[in-house]
């Protein structure tokens, strides 16, 4: 079940960065091939990073998501 990658508790977020995943990384980290390869990599205080697809979002929207997650 690929949904495990999208469940994030905001209080557990250490930092967030915008990354581009290769086709191989998509197969091992997100288990779904999106059209574009831009993701938010959400590093957690405990556990492995989570990846959130933002390939269709504008830079403004991405920055708003990051700001929301840091508050």
PDB file of N, CA and C in Angstrom:
ATOM      1  N   UNK A   1       0.831  -1.179   0.000  1.00  0.00           N
ATOM      2  CA  UNK A   1       0.000   0.000   0.000  1.00  0.00           C
ATOM      3  C   UNK A   1       0.880   1.249   0.000  1.00  0.00           C
ATOM      4  N   UNK A   2       0.785   2.050  -1.037  1.00  0.00           N
ATOM      5  CA  UNK A   2       1.640   3.224  -1.192  1.00  0.00           C
ATOM      6  C   UNK A   2       1.204   4.390  -0.319  1.00  0.00           C
ATOM      7  N   UNK A   3       0.034   4.336   0.285  1.00  0.00           N
ATOM      8  CA  UNK A   3      -0.456   5.461   1.086  1.00  0.00           C
ATOM      9  C   UNK A   3       0.381   5.703   2.332  1.00  0.00           C
ATOM     10  N   UNK A   4       1.126   4.713   2.800  1.00  0.00           N
ATOM     11  CA  UNK A   4       1.948   4.889   3.997  1.00  0.00           C
ATOM     12  C   UNK A   4       2.915   6.055   3.823  1.00  0.00           C
ATOM     13  N   UNK A   5       3.326   6.330   2.593  1.00  0.00           N
ATOM     14  CA  UNK A   5       4.306   7.373   2.336  1.00  0.00           C
ATOM     15  C   UNK A   5       3.717   8.764   2.546  1.00  0.00           C
ATOM     16  N   UNK A   6       2.408   8.920   2.520  1.00  0.00           N
ATOM     17  CA  UNK A   6       1.809  10.237   2.603  1.00  0.00           C
ATOM     18  C   UNK A   6       1.309  10.592   4.001  1.00  0.00           C
ATOM     19  N   UNK A   7       1.351   9.673   4.927  1.00  0.00           N
ATOM     20  CA  UNK A   7       0.900   9.965   6.289  1.00  0.00           C
ATOM     21  C   UNK A   7       2.033  10.622   7.071  1.00  0.00           C
ATOM     22  N   UNK A   8       1.830  11.893   7.433  1.00  0.00           N
ATOM     23  CA  UNK A   8       2.858  12.648   8.142  1.00  0.00           C
ATOM     24  C   UNK A   8       2.230  13.346   9.334  1.00  0.00           C
ATOM     25  N   UNK A   9       2.861  13.236  10.471  1.00  0.00           N
ATOM     26  CA  UNK A   9       2.457  13.987  11.656  1.00  0.00           C
ATOM     27  C   UNK A   9       3.308  15.247  11.675  1.00  0.00           C
ATOM     28  N   UNK A  10       2.669  16.397  11.605  1.00  0.00           N
ATOM     29  CA  UNK A  10       3.390  17.672  11.443  1.00  0.00           C
ATOM     30  C   UNK A  10       4.405  17.901  12.557  1.00  0.00           C
ATOM     31  N   UNK A  11       4.112  17.494  13.768  1.00  0.00           N
ATOM     32  CA  UNK A  11       5.042  17.715  14.878  1.00  0.00           C
ATOM     33  C   UNK A  11       6.320  16.883  14.748  1.00  0.00           C
ATOM     34  N   UNK A  12       6.324  15.878  13.877  1.00  0.00           N
ATOM     35  CA  UNK A  12       7.510  15.039  13.681  1.00  0.00           C
ATOM     36  C   UNK A  12       8.414  15.510  12.544  1.00  0.00           C
ATOM     37  N   UNK A  13       8.035  16.599  11.860  1.00  0.00           N
ATOM     38  CA  UNK A  13       8.823  17.087  10.724  1.00  0.00           C
ATOM     39  C   UNK A  13      10.085  17.779  11.216  1.00  0.00           C
ATOM     40  N   UNK A  14      11.216  17.340  10.671  1.00  0.00           N
ATOM     41  CA  UNK A  14      12.511  17.957  10.984  1.00  0.00           C
ATOM     42  C   UNK A  14      12.796  19.091  10.002  1.00  0.00           C
ATOM     43  N   UNK A  15      12.700  18.816   8.709  1.00  0.00           N
ATOM     44  CA  UNK A  15      12.846  19.831   7.672  1.00  0.00           C
ATOM     45  C   UNK A  15      12.241  19.333   6.375  1.00  0.00           C
ATOM     46  N   UNK A  16      12.096  20.262   5.412  1.00  0.00           N
ATOM     47  CA  UNK A  16      11.475  19.942   4.129  1.00  0.00           C
ATOM     48  C   UNK A  16      12.332  20.543   3.027  1.00  0.00           C
ATOM     49  N   UNK A  17      12.516  19.791   1.945  1.00  0.00           N
ATOM     50  CA  UNK A  17      13.255  20.299   0.803  1.00  0.00           C
ATOM     51  C   UNK A  17      12.587  19.837  -0.487  1.00  0.00           C
ATOM     52  N   UNK A  18      12.762  20.617  -1.535  1.00  0.00           N
ATOM     53  CA  UNK A  18      12.236  20.250  -2.852  1.00  0.00           C
ATOM     54  C   UNK A  18      13.313  19.437  -3.555  1.00  0.00           C
ATOM     55  N   UNK A  19      12.930  18.250  -4.052  1.00  0.00           N
ATOM     56  CA  UNK A  19      13.876  17.368  -4.744  1.00  0.00           C
ATOM     57  C   UNK A  19      13.265  16.878  -6.049  1.00  0.00           C
ATOM     58  N   UNK A  20      14.131  16.433  -6.941  1.00  0.00           N
ATOM     59  CA  UNK A  20      13.699  15.779  -8.173  1.00  0.00           C
ATOM     60  C   UNK A  20      14.180  14.340  -8.105  1.00  0.00           C
ATOM     61  N   UNK A  21      13.234  13.413  -8.244  1.00  0.00           N
ATOM     62  CA  UNK A  21      13.558  11.993  -8.167  1.00  0.00           C
ATOM     63  C   UNK A  21      13.775  11.415  -9.562  1.00  0.00           C
ATOM     64  N   UNK A  22      14.726  10.510  -9.669  1.00  0.00           N
ATOM     65  CA  UNK A  22      14.936   9.787 -10.921  1.00  0.00           C
ATOM     66  C   UNK A  22      13.867   8.712 -11.048  1.00  0.00           C
ATOM     67  N   UNK A  23      13.777   8.097 -12.206  1.00  0.00           N
ATOM     68  CA  UNK A  23      12.811   7.009 -12.406  1.00  0.00           C
ATOM     69  C   UNK A  23      13.071   5.865 -11.425  1.00  0.00           C
ATOM     70  N   UNK A  24      14.330   5.545 -11.181  1.00  0.00           N
ATOM     71  CA  UNK A  24      14.666   4.470 -10.246  1.00  0.00           C
ATOM     72  C   UNK A  24      14.253   4.832  -8.819  1.00  0.00           C
ATOM     73  N   UNK A  25      14.483   6.080  -8.434  1.00  0.00           N
ATOM     74  CA  UNK A  25      14.091   6.518  -7.091  1.00  0.00           C
ATOM     75  C   UNK A  25      12.579   6.488  -6.922  1.00  0.00           C
ATOM     76  N   UNK A  26      11.849   6.846  -7.961  1.00  0.00           N
ATOM     77  CA  UNK A  26      10.385   6.796  -7.892  1.00  0.00           C
ATOM     78  C   UNK A  26       9.904   5.385  -7.586  1.00  0.00           C
ATOM     79  N   UNK A  27      10.559   4.395  -8.170  1.00  0.00           N
ATOM     80  CA  UNK A  27      10.143   3.006  -7.966  1.00  0.00           C
ATOM     81  C   UNK A  27      10.401   2.534  -6.549  1.00  0.00           C
ATOM     82  N   UNK A  28      11.415   3.062  -5.893  1.00  0.00           N
ATOM     83  CA  UNK A  28      11.746   2.596  -4.548  1.00  0.00           C
ATOM     84  C   UNK A  28      11.248   3.501  -3.432  1.00  0.00           C
ATOM     85  N   UNK A  29      10.983   4.778  -3.742  1.00  0.00           N
ATOM     86  CA  UNK A  29      10.608   5.719  -2.682  1.00  0.00           C
ATOM     87  C   UNK A  29       9.143   6.116  -2.696  1.00  0.00           C
ATOM     88  N   UNK A  30       8.503   6.155  -3.865  1.00  0.00           N
ATOM     89  CA  UNK A  30       7.109   6.578  -3.919  1.00  0.00           C
ATOM     90  C   UNK A  30       6.192   5.537  -4.548  1.00  0.00           C
ATOM     91  N   UNK A  31       6.724   4.559  -5.206  1.00  0.00           N
ATOM     92  CA  UNK A  31       5.964   3.429  -5.758  1.00  0.00           C
ATOM     93  C   UNK A  31       4.886   3.823  -6.757  1.00  0.00           C
ATOM     94  N   UNK A  32       5.011   5.027  -7.327  1.00  0.00           N
ATOM     95  CA  UNK A  32       4.029   5.465  -8.308  1.00  0.00           C
ATOM     96  C   UNK A  32       4.724   6.413  -9.264  1.00  0.00           C
ATOM     97  N   UNK A  33       4.492   6.248 -10.542  1.00  0.00           N
ATOM     98  CA  UNK A  33       5.143   7.090 -11.532  1.00  0.00           C
ATOM     99  C   UNK A  33       4.255   8.276 -11.872  1.00  0.00           C
ATOM    100  N   UNK A  34       4.592   9.423 -11.323  1.00  0.00           N
ATOM    101  CA  UNK A  34       3.908  10.662 -11.670  1.00  0.00           C
ATOM    102  C   UNK A  34       4.513  11.209 -12.950  1.00  0.00           C
ATOM    103  N   UNK A  35       3.796  12.082 -13.592  1.00  0.00           N
ATOM    104  CA  UNK A  35       4.253  12.638 -14.871  1.00  0.00           C
ATOM    105  C   UNK A  35       5.543  13.439 -14.697  1.00  0.00           C
ATOM    106  N   UNK A  36       5.587  14.294 -13.690  1.00  0.00           N
ATOM    107  CA  UNK A  36       6.778  15.094 -13.422  1.00  0.00           C
ATOM    108  C   UNK A  36       7.542  14.471 -12.260  1.00  0.00           C
ATOM    109  N   UNK A  37       8.723  15.002 -11.979  1.00  0.00           N
ATOM    110  CA  UNK A  37       9.538  14.357 -10.944  1.00  0.00           C
ATOM    111  C   UNK A  37       9.867  15.273  -9.761  1.00  0.00           C
ATOM    112  N   UNK A  38       9.070  16.302  -9.508  1.00  0.00           N
ATOM    113  CA  UNK A  38       9.328  17.211  -8.396  1.00  0.00           C
ATOM    114  C   UNK A  38       8.519  16.772  -7.175  1.00  0.00           C
ATOM    115  N   UNK A  39       9.229  16.624  -6.066  1.00  0.00           N
ATOM    116  CA  UNK A  39       8.622  16.167  -4.816  1.00  0.00           C
ATOM    117  C   UNK A  39       9.119  17.011  -3.652  1.00  0.00           C
ATOM    118  N   UNK A  40       8.323  17.050  -2.598  1.00  0.00           N
ATOM    119  CA  UNK A  40       8.815  17.557  -1.330  1.00  0.00           C
ATOM    120  C   UNK A  40       9.367  16.362  -0.573  1.00  0.00           C
ATOM    121  N   UNK A  41      10.593  16.469  -0.134  1.00  0.00           N
ATOM    122  CA  UNK A  41      11.183  15.440   0.716  1.00  0.00           C
ATOM    123  C   UNK A  41      11.021  15.930   2.144  1.00  0.00           C
ATOM    124  N   UNK A  42      10.217  15.212   2.902  1.00  0.00           N
ATOM    125  CA  UNK A  42       9.917  15.596   4.274  1.00  0.00           C
ATOM    126  C   UNK A  42      10.742  14.708   5.197  1.00  0.00           C
ATOM    127  N   UNK A  43      11.798  15.296   5.757  1.00  0.00           N
ATOM    128  CA  UNK A  43      12.656  14.577   6.690  1.00  0.00           C
ATOM    129  C   UNK A  43      12.024  14.611   8.065  1.00  0.00           C
ATOM    130  N   UNK A  44      11.905  13.450   8.659  1.00  0.00           N
ATOM    131  CA  UNK A  44      11.252  13.327   9.960  1.00  0.00           C
ATOM    132  C   UNK A  44      12.270  13.182  11.074  1.00  0.00           C
ATOM    133  N   UNK A  45      11.866  13.552  12.274  1.00  0.00           N
ATOM    134  CA  UNK A  45      12.729  13.382  13.446  1.00  0.00           C
ATOM    135  C   UNK A  45      13.004  11.899  13.689  1.00  0.00           C
ATOM    136  N   UNK A  46      12.017  11.062  13.414  1.00  0.00           N
ATOM    137  CA  UNK A  46      12.144   9.621  13.624  1.00  0.00           C
ATOM    138  C   UNK A  46      11.670   8.916  12.370  1.00  0.00           C
ATOM    139  N   UNK A  47      12.443   8.021  11.844  1.00  0.00           N
ATOM    140  CA  UNK A  47      12.014   7.253  10.678  1.00  0.00           C
ATOM    141  C   UNK A  47      12.531   7.800   9.363  1.00  0.00           C
ATOM    142  N   UNK A  48      12.113   7.145   8.297  1.00  0.00           N
ATOM    143  CA  UNK A  48      12.557   7.485   6.951  1.00  0.00           C
ATOM    144  C   UNK A  48      11.823   8.709   6.418  1.00  0.00           C
ATOM    145  N   UNK A  49      12.448   9.405   5.452  1.00  0.00           N
ATOM    146  CA  UNK A  49      11.779  10.559   4.854  1.00  0.00           C
ATOM    147  C   UNK A  49      10.524  10.162   4.089  1.00  0.00           C
ATOM    148  N   UNK A  50       9.603  11.106   3.965  1.00  0.00           N
ATOM    149  CA  UNK A  50       8.379  10.924   3.186  1.00  0.00           C
ATOM    150  C   UNK A  50       8.475  11.820   1.960  1.00  0.00           C
ATOM    151  N   UNK A  51       7.811  11.418   0.878  1.00  0.00           N
ATOM    152  CA  UNK A  51       7.838  12.184  -0.358  1.00  0.00           C
ATOM    153  C   UNK A  51       6.423  12.558  -0.753  1.00  0.00           C
ATOM    154  N   UNK A  52       6.243  13.839  -1.070  1.00  0.00           N
ATOM    155  CA  UNK A  52       4.942  14.368  -1.437  1.00  0.00           C
ATOM    156  C   UNK A  52       5.067  14.980  -2.820  1.00  0.00           C
ATOM    157  N   UNK A  53       4.275  14.504  -3.756  1.00  0.00           N
ATOM    158  CA  UNK A  53       4.355  14.943  -5.144  1.00  0.00           C
ATOM    159  C   UNK A  53       3.854  16.372  -5.305  1.00  0.00           C
ATOM    160  N   UNK A  54       4.679  17.231  -5.906  1.00  0.00           N
ATOM    161  CA  UNK A  54       4.299  18.619  -6.144  1.00  0.00           C
ATOM    162  C   UNK A  54       4.628  19.047  -7.579  1.00  0.00           C
ATOM    163  N   UNK A  55       4.733  18.093  -8.476  1.00  0.00           N
ATOM    164  CA  UNK A  55       5.103  18.376  -9.860  1.00  0.00           C
ATOM    165  C   UNK A  55       4.153  19.298 -10.589  1.00  0.00           C
ATOM    166  N   UNK A  56       2.882  19.297 -10.241  1.00  0.00           N
ATOM    167  CA  UNK A  56       1.890  20.134 -10.914  1.00  0.00           C
ATOM    168  C   UNK A  56       1.634  21.445 -10.187  1.00  0.00           C
ATOM    169  N   UNK A  57       2.318  21.682  -9.082  1.00  0.00           N
ATOM    170  CA  UNK A  57       2.072  22.875  -8.281  1.00  0.00           C
ATOM    171  C   UNK A  57       3.009  24.004  -8.690  1.00  0.00           C
ATOM    172  N   UNK A  58       2.556  25.240  -8.505  1.00  0.00           N
ATOM    173  CA  UNK A  58       3.411  26.399  -8.766  1.00  0.00           C
ATOM    174  C   UNK A  58       4.385  26.566  -7.599  1.00  0.00           C
ATOM    175  N   UNK A  59       5.441  27.350  -7.817  1.00  0.00           N
ATOM    176  CA  UNK A  59       6.395  27.612  -6.739  1.00  0.00           C
ATOM    177  C   UNK A  59       5.708  28.293  -5.563  1.00  0.00           C
ATOM    178  N   UNK A  60       4.758  29.169  -5.838  1.00  0.00           N
ATOM    179  CA  UNK A  60       4.006  29.828  -4.769  1.00  0.00           C
ATOM    180  C   UNK A  60       3.263  28.794  -3.919  1.00  0.00           C
ATOM    181  N   UNK A  61       2.584  27.855  -4.574  1.00  0.00           N
ATOM    182  CA  UNK A  61       1.845  26.826  -3.842  1.00  0.00           C
ATOM    183  C   UNK A  61       2.785  25.947  -3.031  1.00  0.00           C
ATOM    184  N   UNK A  62       3.913  25.595  -3.602  1.00  0.00           N
ATOM    185  CA  UNK A  62       4.896  24.759  -2.891  1.00  0.00           C
ATOM    186  C   UNK A  62       5.394  25.488  -1.651  1.00  0.00           C
ATOM    187  N   UNK A  63       5.718  26.763  -1.796  1.00  0.00           N
ATOM    188  CA  UNK A  63       6.186  27.538  -0.642  1.00  0.00           C
ATOM    189  C   UNK A  63       5.117  27.657   0.436  1.00  0.00           C
ATOM    190  N   UNK A  64       3.857  27.769   0.044  1.00  0.00           N
ATOM    191  CA  UNK A  64       2.762  27.826   1.019  1.00  0.00           C
ATOM    192  C   UNK A  64       2.635  26.496   1.775  1.00  0.00           C
ATOM    193  N   UNK A  65       2.792  25.394   1.074  1.00  0.00           N
ATOM    194  CA  UNK A  65       2.739  24.074   1.724  1.00  0.00           C
ATOM    195  C   UNK A  65       3.861  23.947   2.738  1.00  0.00           C
ATOM    196  N   UNK A  66       5.068  24.323   2.331  1.00  0.00           N
ATOM    197  CA  UNK A  66       6.218  24.246   3.241  1.00  0.00           C
ATOM    198  C   UNK A  66       5.992  25.129   4.462  1.00  0.00           C
ATOM    199  N   UNK A  67       5.518  26.348   4.241  1.00  0.00           N
ATOM    200  CA  UNK A  67       5.258  27.266   5.363  1.00  0.00           C
ATOM    201  C   UNK A  67       4.205  26.686   6.302  1.00  0.00           C
ATOM    202  N   UNK A  68       3.148  26.111   5.751  1.00  0.00           N
ATOM    203  CA  UNK A  68       2.098  25.505   6.572  1.00  0.00           C
ATOM    204  C   UNK A  68       2.656  24.362   7.421  1.00  0.00           C
ATOM    205  N   UNK A  69       3.520  23.559   6.848  1.00  0.00           N
ATOM    206  CA  UNK A  69       4.055  22.401   7.565  1.00  0.00           C
ATOM    207  C   UNK A  69       5.057  22.791   8.636  1.00  0.00           C
ATOM    208  N   UNK A  70       5.660  23.939   8.515  1.00  0.00           N
ATOM    209  CA  UNK A  70       6.633  24.391   9.519  1.00  0.00           C
ATOM    210  C   UNK A  70       5.981  25.122  10.675  1.00  0.00           C
ATOM    211  N   UNK A  71       4.711  25.462  10.580  1.00  0.00           N
ATOM    212  CA  UNK A  71       4.033  26.182  11.676  1.00  0.00           C
ATOM    213  C   UNK A  71       3.449  25.256  12.678  1.00  0.00           C
TER     214      UNK A  71
END
